[in-house]
Amino acid sequence: MPDPASPDPDPDPETARLLAEQTAEAMFSRDAASKLIDLKLASVRPGYSRLTMLVRPDMVNGHHICHGGYLFTLADSAFAYACNSYNRNTVASACHIDFLTPAREGELLEAECEERSLAGRTGVYDTTIRNARGKVVALFRGKSYRIAGEVIAGLEAEDSEPGASSSAARQGPDAVEGNPQ
């Protein structure tokens, strides 16, 4: 019997890609943090995303390099788009980042996130940030946890967990366990 907490193991690839794109568009439309730092969503598919960020003058620290918080935000955002690509509300349960090479003002950075494991409500995702020369700037690992609801409510109407009420399955993007809308 398939695990109702995991995505459909055999979705039509085109349908799955379109769902990932629709989900990313819906998330980005309300993602004030990503918009604030001008993140660009370059590509998304199930379990995968690629974002870019230009290091602006207001993103550099006292060492004249990109502040680590901006690098973390870029990596975390790529993680968010990858792990929510199945249209199931998913949040980070843990993250770790290693800063390997400084990023400089004016550099275009690319964050590529790939799903490594997805079982039940939990997943593991790796994000690599590279500069335009392909040099690795940072490595990020995020662990995800799926919460109630969908990114685009009602899109997968019959895909809630057994025993869950339809209202619980339709909670919006801000719903977390113990904190319904």
N, C-alpha and C. Protein backbone atom coordinates (compact mmCIF):
# COMPACT_ATOMS: atom_id res chain seq x y z
N MET A 1 0.85 -1.18 0.00
CA MET A 1 0.00 0.00 0.00
C MET A 1 0.89 1.24 0.00
N PRO A 2 0.60 2.21 -0.88
CA PRO A 2 1.43 3.41 -0.93
C PRO A 2 1.32 4.24 0.34
N ASP A 3 2.39 4.91 0.68
CA ASP A 3 2.43 5.78 1.85
C ASP A 3 1.70 7.07 1.52
N PRO A 4 0.55 7.37 2.19
CA PRO A 4 -0.20 8.58 1.86
C PRO A 4 0.54 9.85 2.22
N ALA A 5 1.59 9.76 3.01
CA ALA A 5 2.35 10.95 3.39
C ALA A 5 3.40 11.32 2.35
N SER A 6 3.69 10.40 1.42
CA SER A 6 4.69 10.66 0.39
C SER A 6 4.01 11.03 -0.92
N PRO A 7 4.73 11.75 -1.79
CA PRO A 7 4.17 12.07 -3.09
C PRO A 7 3.88 10.82 -3.89
N ASP A 8 3.02 10.94 -4.89
CA ASP A 8 2.70 9.85 -5.80
C ASP A 8 4.00 9.31 -6.37
N PRO A 9 4.29 8.00 -6.18
CA PRO A 9 5.57 7.47 -6.64
C PRO A 9 5.69 7.41 -8.16
N ASP A 10 4.59 7.41 -8.89
CA ASP A 10 4.63 7.30 -10.35
C ASP A 10 3.80 8.38 -11.03
N PRO A 11 4.05 9.65 -10.73
CA PRO A 11 3.26 10.69 -11.39
C PRO A 11 3.70 10.83 -12.85
N ASP A 12 2.80 11.29 -13.68
CA ASP A 12 3.15 11.63 -15.05
C ASP A 12 4.20 12.74 -14.97
N PRO A 13 5.36 12.59 -15.62
CA PRO A 13 6.43 13.58 -15.49
C PRO A 13 6.01 15.01 -15.87
N GLU A 14 5.24 15.15 -16.91
CA GLU A 14 4.81 16.49 -17.33
C GLU A 14 3.86 17.10 -16.31
N THR A 15 2.95 16.30 -15.78
CA THR A 15 2.02 16.78 -14.75
C THR A 15 2.78 17.18 -13.49
N ALA A 16 3.76 16.36 -13.10
CA ALA A 16 4.56 16.66 -11.91
C ALA A 16 5.37 17.94 -12.09
N ARG A 17 5.93 18.15 -13.28
CA ARG A 17 6.70 19.36 -13.56
C ARG A 17 5.79 20.59 -13.51
N LEU A 18 4.62 20.48 -14.12
CA LEU A 18 3.68 21.61 -14.11
C LEU A 18 3.23 21.93 -12.69
N LEU A 19 2.99 20.91 -11.88
CA LEU A 19 2.60 21.13 -10.49
C LEU A 19 3.72 21.85 -9.74
N ALA A 20 4.96 21.42 -9.95
CA ALA A 20 6.10 22.07 -9.29
C ALA A 20 6.19 23.53 -9.71
N GLU A 21 5.99 23.82 -10.98
CA GLU A 21 6.05 25.20 -11.46
C GLU A 21 4.93 26.05 -10.89
N GLN A 22 3.70 25.51 -10.87
CA GLN A 22 2.57 26.25 -10.30
C GLN A 22 2.79 26.52 -8.82
N THR A 23 3.29 25.53 -8.12
CA THR A 23 3.55 25.67 -6.69
C THR A 23 4.60 26.75 -6.44
N ALA A 24 5.67 26.72 -7.22
CA ALA A 24 6.73 27.72 -7.06
C ALA A 24 6.21 29.13 -7.35
N GLU A 25 5.40 29.27 -8.39
CA GLU A 25 4.83 30.59 -8.72
C GLU A 25 3.95 31.09 -7.58
N ALA A 26 3.14 30.20 -7.01
CA ALA A 26 2.27 30.59 -5.89
C ALA A 26 3.10 30.98 -4.67
N MET A 27 4.12 30.20 -4.37
CA MET A 27 4.99 30.54 -3.23
C MET A 27 5.69 31.87 -3.46
N PHE A 28 6.25 32.06 -4.65
CA PHE A 28 7.02 33.27 -4.92
C PHE A 28 6.14 34.51 -4.84
N SER A 29 4.88 34.37 -5.23
CA SER A 29 3.98 35.53 -5.22
C SER A 29 3.79 36.10 -3.81
N ARG A 30 4.02 35.28 -2.79
CA ARG A 30 3.85 35.75 -1.41
C ARG A 30 5.15 35.66 -0.59
N ASP A 31 6.27 35.50 -1.27
CA ASP A 31 7.57 35.35 -0.61
C ASP A 31 8.29 36.70 -0.54
N ALA A 32 7.95 37.48 0.47
CA ALA A 32 8.52 38.82 0.62
C ALA A 32 10.04 38.79 0.82
N ALA A 33 10.55 37.80 1.54
CA ALA A 33 11.99 37.72 1.80
C ALA A 33 12.77 37.52 0.51
N SER A 34 12.32 36.61 -0.33
CA SER A 34 13.02 36.37 -1.60
C SER A 34 12.96 37.59 -2.51
N LYS A 35 11.82 38.26 -2.51
CA LYS A 35 11.68 39.47 -3.33
C LYS A 35 12.58 40.59 -2.81
N LEU A 36 12.71 40.70 -1.50
CA LEU A 36 13.52 41.76 -0.90
C LEU A 36 14.97 41.71 -1.39
N ILE A 37 15.50 40.51 -1.56
CA ILE A 37 16.89 40.40 -2.00
C ILE A 37 16.99 40.02 -3.48
N ASP A 38 15.90 40.19 -4.20
CA ASP A 38 15.86 40.00 -5.67
C ASP A 38 16.27 38.60 -6.12
N LEU A 39 15.83 37.57 -5.39
CA LEU A 39 16.09 36.21 -5.86
C LEU A 39 15.28 35.97 -7.12
N LYS A 40 15.86 35.20 -8.03
CA LYS A 40 15.18 34.84 -9.27
C LYS A 40 15.07 33.32 -9.33
N LEU A 41 13.87 32.85 -9.59
CA LEU A 41 13.63 31.41 -9.73
C LEU A 41 13.95 31.02 -11.16
N ALA A 42 15.04 30.30 -11.36
CA ALA A 42 15.49 29.93 -12.70
C ALA A 42 14.87 28.64 -13.19
N SER A 43 14.66 27.68 -12.28
CA SER A 43 14.15 26.37 -12.69
C SER A 43 13.58 25.65 -11.48
N VAL A 44 12.53 24.89 -11.72
CA VAL A 44 11.95 24.06 -10.66
C VAL A 44 11.32 22.82 -11.31
N ARG A 45 11.44 21.72 -10.62
CA ARG A 45 10.77 20.47 -10.98
C ARG A 45 10.62 19.69 -9.68
N PRO A 46 9.96 18.55 -9.68
CA PRO A 46 9.78 17.83 -8.42
C PRO A 46 11.11 17.53 -7.72
N GLY A 47 11.22 18.01 -6.48
CA GLY A 47 12.41 17.76 -5.67
C GLY A 47 13.63 18.55 -6.08
N TYR A 48 13.47 19.59 -6.87
CA TYR A 48 14.62 20.33 -7.41
C TYR A 48 14.25 21.79 -7.62
N SER A 49 15.23 22.67 -7.36
CA SER A 49 15.07 24.07 -7.75
C SER A 49 16.44 24.69 -8.00
N ARG A 50 16.42 25.77 -8.78
CA ARG A 50 17.63 26.54 -9.05
C ARG A 50 17.25 28.00 -9.00
N LEU A 51 17.93 28.76 -8.13
CA LEU A 51 17.69 30.19 -7.96
C LEU A 51 18.98 30.96 -8.20
N THR A 52 18.84 32.24 -8.54
CA THR A 52 20.01 33.10 -8.67
C THR A 52 19.84 34.34 -7.81
N MET A 53 20.98 34.93 -7.45
CA MET A 53 21.00 36.16 -6.67
C MET A 53 22.24 36.95 -7.06
N LEU A 54 22.05 38.22 -7.35
CA LEU A 54 23.16 39.13 -7.61
C LEU A 54 23.58 39.75 -6.28
N VAL A 55 24.86 39.67 -5.94
CA VAL A 55 25.36 40.25 -4.70
C VAL A 55 25.41 41.77 -4.87
N ARG A 56 24.52 42.45 -4.17
CA ARG A 56 24.41 43.91 -4.25
C ARG A 56 25.34 44.57 -3.22
N PRO A 57 25.60 45.87 -3.38
CA PRO A 57 26.44 46.58 -2.41
C PRO A 57 25.91 46.51 -0.97
N ASP A 58 24.59 46.48 -0.81
CA ASP A 58 24.02 46.42 0.54
C ASP A 58 24.03 45.01 1.13
N MET A 59 24.63 44.05 0.45
CA MET A 59 24.72 42.67 0.94
C MET A 59 26.12 42.31 1.43
N VAL A 60 27.06 43.24 1.31
CA VAL A 60 28.43 42.92 1.73
C VAL A 60 28.66 43.35 3.18
N ASN A 61 29.53 42.61 3.84
CA ASN A 61 29.82 42.88 5.25
C ASN A 61 31.09 43.73 5.39
N GLY A 62 31.61 43.83 6.60
CA GLY A 62 32.79 44.63 6.88
C GLY A 62 34.07 44.10 6.24
N HIS A 63 34.03 42.90 5.70
CA HIS A 63 35.19 42.32 5.01
C HIS A 63 35.06 42.48 3.49
N HIS A 64 34.04 43.21 3.06
CA HIS A 64 33.78 43.44 1.63
C HIS A 64 33.43 42.16 0.88
N ILE A 65 32.82 41.21 1.59
CA ILE A 65 32.32 39.99 0.95
C ILE A 65 30.85 39.84 1.31
N CYS A 66 30.16 38.99 0.57
CA CYS A 66 28.73 38.78 0.82
C CYS A 66 28.52 38.26 2.24
N HIS A 67 27.62 38.89 2.95
CA HIS A 67 27.28 38.47 4.31
C HIS A 67 26.71 37.05 4.27
N GLY A 68 27.14 36.22 5.20
CA GLY A 68 26.69 34.83 5.25
C GLY A 68 25.19 34.68 5.38
N GLY A 69 24.53 35.64 6.00
CA GLY A 69 23.07 35.58 6.13
C GLY A 69 22.37 35.60 4.79
N TYR A 70 22.91 36.35 3.84
CA TYR A 70 22.32 36.38 2.49
C TYR A 70 22.56 35.06 1.77
N LEU A 71 23.75 34.48 1.96
CA LEU A 71 24.02 33.18 1.36
C LEU A 71 23.10 32.12 1.94
N PHE A 72 22.90 32.17 3.26
CA PHE A 72 21.99 31.22 3.90
C PHE A 72 20.58 31.41 3.35
N THR A 73 20.14 32.66 3.20
CA THR A 73 18.80 32.92 2.69
C THR A 73 18.64 32.38 1.27
N LEU A 74 19.63 32.57 0.43
CA LEU A 74 19.59 32.03 -0.93
C LEU A 74 19.46 30.51 -0.90
N ALA A 75 20.30 29.85 -0.12
CA ALA A 75 20.28 28.39 -0.03
C ALA A 75 18.97 27.89 0.57
N ASP A 76 18.51 28.54 1.63
CA ASP A 76 17.28 28.14 2.29
C ASP A 76 16.08 28.32 1.37
N SER A 77 16.08 29.37 0.58
CA SER A 77 14.99 29.58 -0.36
C SER A 77 14.98 28.52 -1.45
N ALA A 78 16.15 28.16 -1.97
CA ALA A 78 16.22 27.07 -2.95
C ALA A 78 15.68 25.78 -2.34
N PHE A 79 16.05 25.52 -1.11
CA PHE A 79 15.55 24.36 -0.35
C PHE A 79 14.03 24.41 -0.25
N ALA A 80 13.49 25.57 0.09
CA ALA A 80 12.04 25.71 0.24
C ALA A 80 11.30 25.40 -1.06
N TYR A 81 11.80 25.92 -2.17
CA TYR A 81 11.12 25.67 -3.45
C TYR A 81 11.23 24.20 -3.85
N ALA A 82 12.34 23.56 -3.57
CA ALA A 82 12.49 22.14 -3.91
C ALA A 82 11.59 21.26 -3.05
N CYS A 83 11.57 21.49 -1.75
CA CYS A 83 10.81 20.58 -0.88
C CYS A 83 9.30 20.85 -0.92
N ASN A 84 8.88 22.01 -1.39
CA ASN A 84 7.45 22.30 -1.54
C ASN A 84 6.95 22.02 -2.95
N SER A 85 7.80 21.49 -3.82
CA SER A 85 7.46 21.30 -5.23
C SER A 85 6.35 20.28 -5.48
N TYR A 86 5.97 19.54 -4.46
CA TYR A 86 4.89 18.56 -4.59
C TYR A 86 3.54 19.15 -4.18
N ASN A 87 3.52 20.47 -3.91
CA ASN A 87 2.33 21.18 -3.45
C ASN A 87 1.86 20.69 -2.08
N ARG A 88 2.78 20.34 -1.25
CA ARG A 88 2.46 19.96 0.13
C ARG A 88 3.26 20.88 1.05
N ASN A 89 2.56 21.55 1.96
CA ASN A 89 3.24 22.49 2.86
C ASN A 89 4.36 21.78 3.60
N THR A 90 5.57 22.27 3.41
CA THR A 90 6.76 21.66 3.99
C THR A 90 7.66 22.75 4.54
N VAL A 91 8.19 22.52 5.73
CA VAL A 91 9.05 23.50 6.39
C VAL A 91 10.38 22.84 6.76
N ALA A 92 11.34 23.67 7.12
CA ALA A 92 12.65 23.16 7.55
C ALA A 92 12.55 22.68 8.99
N SER A 93 13.16 21.53 9.26
CA SER A 93 13.28 21.08 10.65
C SER A 93 14.72 21.26 11.14
N ALA A 94 15.67 21.32 10.21
CA ALA A 94 17.07 21.57 10.56
C ALA A 94 17.82 21.96 9.29
N CYS A 95 18.83 22.79 9.45
CA CYS A 95 19.67 23.22 8.32
C CYS A 95 21.10 23.41 8.79
N HIS A 96 22.01 23.22 7.86
CA HIS A 96 23.43 23.44 8.14
C HIS A 96 24.06 24.02 6.87
N ILE A 97 24.97 24.96 7.04
CA ILE A 97 25.66 25.53 5.88
C ILE A 97 27.15 25.61 6.16
N ASP A 98 27.93 25.33 5.13
CA ASP A 98 29.38 25.51 5.16
C ASP A 98 29.73 26.56 4.13
N PHE A 99 30.41 27.62 4.57
CA PHE A 99 30.87 28.68 3.68
C PHE A 99 32.27 28.32 3.22
N LEU A 100 32.47 28.18 1.92
CA LEU A 100 33.73 27.67 1.39
C LEU A 100 34.58 28.71 0.67
N THR A 101 33.93 29.61 -0.05
CA THR A 101 34.62 30.63 -0.83
C THR A 101 33.85 31.94 -0.70
N PRO A 102 34.53 33.06 -0.50
CA PRO A 102 33.79 34.33 -0.40
C PRO A 102 33.11 34.69 -1.73
N ALA A 103 31.95 35.28 -1.61
CA ALA A 103 31.25 35.85 -2.77
C ALA A 103 31.43 37.36 -2.70
N ARG A 104 31.64 37.97 -3.83
CA ARG A 104 31.96 39.40 -3.90
C ARG A 104 30.81 40.20 -4.48
N GLU A 105 30.81 41.47 -4.14
CA GLU A 105 29.84 42.40 -4.70
C GLU A 105 29.87 42.32 -6.23
N GLY A 106 28.70 42.27 -6.83
CA GLY A 106 28.57 42.20 -8.28
C GLY A 106 28.54 40.79 -8.84
N GLU A 107 28.85 39.78 -8.02
CA GLU A 107 28.83 38.40 -8.51
C GLU A 107 27.39 37.89 -8.59
N LEU A 108 27.12 37.13 -9.64
CA LEU A 108 25.85 36.44 -9.77
C LEU A 108 26.04 35.04 -9.20
N LEU A 109 25.25 34.71 -8.20
CA LEU A 109 25.34 33.40 -7.55
C LEU A 109 24.17 32.53 -7.99
N GLU A 110 24.42 31.24 -8.05
CA GLU A 110 23.38 30.27 -8.40
C GLU A 110 23.30 29.23 -7.29
N ALA A 111 22.09 29.00 -6.80
CA ALA A 111 21.85 27.96 -5.80
C ALA A 111 21.04 26.85 -6.44
N GLU A 112 21.59 25.65 -6.41
CA GLU A 112 20.92 24.49 -6.98
C GLU A 112 20.62 23.52 -5.85
N CYS A 113 19.34 23.19 -5.69
CA CYS A 113 18.92 22.30 -4.61
C CYS A 113 18.36 21.01 -5.18
N GLU A 114 18.80 19.89 -4.59
CA GLU A 114 18.36 18.58 -5.04
C GLU A 114 17.90 17.73 -3.86
N GLU A 115 16.80 17.06 -4.07
CA GLU A 115 16.27 16.13 -3.07
C GLU A 115 17.17 14.90 -3.00
N ARG A 116 17.55 14.52 -1.79
CA ARG A 116 18.38 13.33 -1.60
C ARG A 116 17.56 12.16 -1.06
N SER A 117 16.55 12.49 -0.25
CA SER A 117 15.73 11.45 0.37
C SER A 117 14.37 12.05 0.68
N LEU A 118 13.31 11.27 0.48
CA LEU A 118 11.96 11.68 0.85
C LEU A 118 11.21 10.44 1.27
N ALA A 119 10.82 10.41 2.54
CA ALA A 119 10.09 9.26 3.08
C ALA A 119 9.09 9.77 4.11
N GLY A 120 7.83 9.46 3.88
CA GLY A 120 6.80 9.94 4.80
C GLY A 120 6.78 11.46 4.83
N ARG A 121 6.87 12.02 6.01
CA ARG A 121 6.82 13.48 6.17
C ARG A 121 8.19 14.16 6.12
N THR A 122 9.27 13.38 6.04
CA THR A 122 10.60 13.99 6.14
C THR A 122 11.40 13.83 4.85
N GLY A 123 12.27 14.81 4.63
CA GLY A 123 13.13 14.78 3.46
C GLY A 123 14.48 15.38 3.78
N VAL A 124 15.45 15.09 2.93
CA VAL A 124 16.79 15.66 3.03
C VAL A 124 17.13 16.25 1.67
N TYR A 125 17.61 17.50 1.69
CA TYR A 125 17.90 18.24 0.46
C TYR A 125 19.27 18.89 0.57
N ASP A 126 20.02 18.86 -0.52
CA ASP A 126 21.33 19.51 -0.58
C ASP A 126 21.29 20.67 -1.56
N THR A 127 21.81 21.80 -1.12
CA THR A 127 21.90 22.99 -1.97
C THR A 127 23.36 23.37 -2.12
N THR A 128 23.77 23.59 -3.35
CA THR A 128 25.12 24.06 -3.66
C THR A 128 25.01 25.46 -4.25
N ILE A 129 25.74 26.40 -3.67
CA ILE A 129 25.80 27.76 -4.22
C ILE A 129 27.12 27.89 -4.96
N ARG A 130 27.04 28.34 -6.21
CA ARG A 130 28.23 28.55 -7.04
C ARG A 130 28.26 29.98 -7.56
N ASN A 131 29.46 30.47 -7.81
CA ASN A 131 29.59 31.77 -8.47
C ASN A 131 29.55 31.55 -9.99
N ALA A 132 29.65 32.62 -10.75
CA ALA A 132 29.54 32.54 -12.22
C ALA A 132 30.68 31.73 -12.84
N ARG A 133 31.79 31.59 -12.14
CA ARG A 133 32.92 30.79 -12.63
C ARG A 133 32.76 29.31 -12.27
N GLY A 134 31.67 28.97 -11.58
CA GLY A 134 31.42 27.58 -11.21
C GLY A 134 32.06 27.16 -9.91
N LYS A 135 32.73 28.08 -9.23
CA LYS A 135 33.38 27.76 -7.96
C LYS A 135 32.32 27.65 -6.86
N VAL A 136 32.44 26.61 -6.02
CA VAL A 136 31.46 26.41 -4.94
C VAL A 136 31.71 27.43 -3.84
N VAL A 137 30.68 28.20 -3.55
CA VAL A 137 30.72 29.23 -2.51
C VAL A 137 30.25 28.66 -1.18
N ALA A 138 29.20 27.84 -1.21
CA ALA A 138 28.66 27.28 0.03
C ALA A 138 27.92 25.99 -0.25
N LEU A 139 27.92 25.11 0.75
CA LEU A 139 27.15 23.87 0.73
C LEU A 139 26.16 23.91 1.89
N PHE A 140 24.91 23.57 1.60
CA PHE A 140 23.82 23.66 2.57
C PHE A 140 23.08 22.33 2.55
N ARG A 141 22.75 21.82 3.73
CA ARG A 141 21.89 20.64 3.82
C ARG A 141 20.69 21.01 4.67
N GLY A 142 19.51 20.74 4.13
CA GLY A 142 18.28 21.02 4.85
C GLY A 142 17.47 19.75 5.05
N LYS A 143 16.90 19.64 6.22
CA LYS A 143 15.99 18.54 6.53
C LYS A 143 14.59 19.13 6.59
N SER A 144 13.67 18.50 5.88
CA SER A 144 12.31 19.03 5.77
C SER A 144 11.32 18.20 6.56
N TYR A 145 10.21 18.86 6.90
CA TYR A 145 9.10 18.19 7.57
C TYR A 145 7.81 18.71 6.96
N ARG A 146 6.99 17.78 6.48
CA ARG A 146 5.73 18.17 5.86
C ARG A 146 4.68 18.40 6.93
N ILE A 147 4.02 19.55 6.85
CA ILE A 147 2.95 19.90 7.77
C ILE A 147 1.62 19.80 7.03
N ALA A 148 0.55 20.14 7.70
CA ALA A 148 -0.78 20.04 7.09
C ALA A 148 -0.94 21.04 5.95
N GLY A 149 -1.73 20.67 4.98
CA GLY A 149 -2.15 21.58 3.94
C GLY A 149 -1.33 21.54 2.68
N GLU A 150 -1.75 22.39 1.76
CA GLU A 150 -1.14 22.48 0.44
C GLU A 150 -0.69 23.92 0.19
N VAL A 151 0.29 24.09 -0.65
CA VAL A 151 0.72 25.43 -1.04
C VAL A 151 -0.41 26.10 -1.82
N ILE A 152 -0.97 25.38 -2.78
CA ILE A 152 -2.13 25.84 -3.54
C ILE A 152 -3.31 25.01 -3.05
N ALA A 153 -4.09 25.56 -2.15
CA ALA A 153 -5.19 24.82 -1.51
C ALA A 153 -6.17 24.28 -2.54
N GLY A 154 -6.55 23.01 -2.36
CA GLY A 154 -7.57 22.38 -3.18
C GLY A 154 -7.07 21.79 -4.48
N LEU A 155 -5.81 22.00 -4.83
CA LEU A 155 -5.29 21.49 -6.09
C LEU A 155 -5.23 19.97 -6.08
N GLU A 156 -4.95 19.39 -4.93
CA GLU A 156 -4.91 17.93 -4.79
C GLU A 156 -5.99 17.53 -3.80
N ALA A 157 -7.24 17.75 -4.16
CA ALA A 157 -8.37 17.65 -3.25
C ALA A 157 -8.48 16.31 -2.53
N GLU A 158 -8.18 15.23 -3.16
CA GLU A 158 -8.36 13.92 -2.53
C GLU A 158 -7.05 13.34 -2.01
N ASP A 159 -6.05 14.17 -1.79
CA ASP A 159 -4.73 13.68 -1.44
C ASP A 159 -4.34 13.93 0.00
N SER A 160 -5.32 14.03 0.90
CA SER A 160 -4.98 14.25 2.31
C SER A 160 -4.73 12.92 2.99
N GLU A 161 -4.22 12.97 4.20
CA GLU A 161 -3.91 11.76 4.94
C GLU A 161 -5.20 11.08 5.41
N PRO A 162 -5.18 9.76 5.57
CA PRO A 162 -6.36 9.07 6.05
C PRO A 162 -6.80 9.62 7.40
N GLY A 163 -8.09 9.86 7.53
CA GLY A 163 -8.63 10.34 8.80
C GLY A 163 -8.55 11.84 8.97
N ALA A 164 -7.88 12.54 8.08
CA ALA A 164 -7.78 14.00 8.19
C ALA A 164 -9.06 14.62 7.65
N SER A 165 -9.55 15.62 8.34
CA SER A 165 -10.74 16.30 7.84
C SER A 165 -10.35 17.16 6.66
N SER A 166 -11.33 17.45 5.81
CA SER A 166 -11.02 18.26 4.64
C SER A 166 -10.54 19.64 5.03
N SER A 167 -11.04 20.20 6.14
CA SER A 167 -10.57 21.52 6.54
C SER A 167 -9.11 21.47 7.00
N ALA A 168 -8.71 20.40 7.65
CA ALA A 168 -7.31 20.27 8.07
C ALA A 168 -6.40 20.13 6.86
N ALA A 169 -6.88 19.43 5.84
CA ALA A 169 -6.07 19.24 4.65
C ALA A 169 -5.98 20.50 3.81
N ARG A 170 -6.85 21.47 4.06
CA ARG A 170 -6.89 22.68 3.25
C ARG A 170 -6.31 23.89 3.95
N GLN A 171 -5.62 23.72 5.06
CA GLN A 171 -5.05 24.88 5.74
C GLN A 171 -4.08 25.58 4.82
N GLY A 172 -3.96 26.86 4.99
CA GLY A 172 -3.14 27.69 4.11
C GLY A 172 -1.67 27.60 4.40
N PRO A 173 -0.88 28.43 3.72
CA PRO A 173 0.57 28.36 3.79
C PRO A 173 1.15 28.73 5.14
N ASP A 174 0.39 29.42 5.99
CA ASP A 174 0.92 29.83 7.29
C ASP A 174 0.56 28.86 8.40
N ALA A 175 -0.16 27.80 8.07
CA ALA A 175 -0.61 26.87 9.10
C ALA A 175 0.54 25.97 9.53
N VAL A 176 0.67 25.79 10.83
CA VAL A 176 1.62 24.84 11.38
C VAL A 176 0.87 24.01 12.40
N GLU A 177 1.42 22.86 12.71
CA GLU A 177 0.74 21.99 13.65
C GLU A 177 0.53 22.72 14.97
N GLY A 178 -0.69 22.64 15.47
CA GLY A 178 -1.02 23.30 16.73
C GLY A 178 -1.34 24.78 16.55
N ASN A 179 -1.27 25.29 15.33
CA ASN A 179 -1.54 26.70 15.08
C ASN A 179 -2.37 26.84 13.80
N PRO A 180 -3.62 26.33 13.80
CA PRO A 180 -4.43 26.41 12.59
C PRO A 180 -4.80 27.86 12.29
N GLN A 181 -5.13 28.09 11.05
CA GLN A 181 -5.51 29.45 10.64
C GLN A 181 -6.84 29.83 11.20
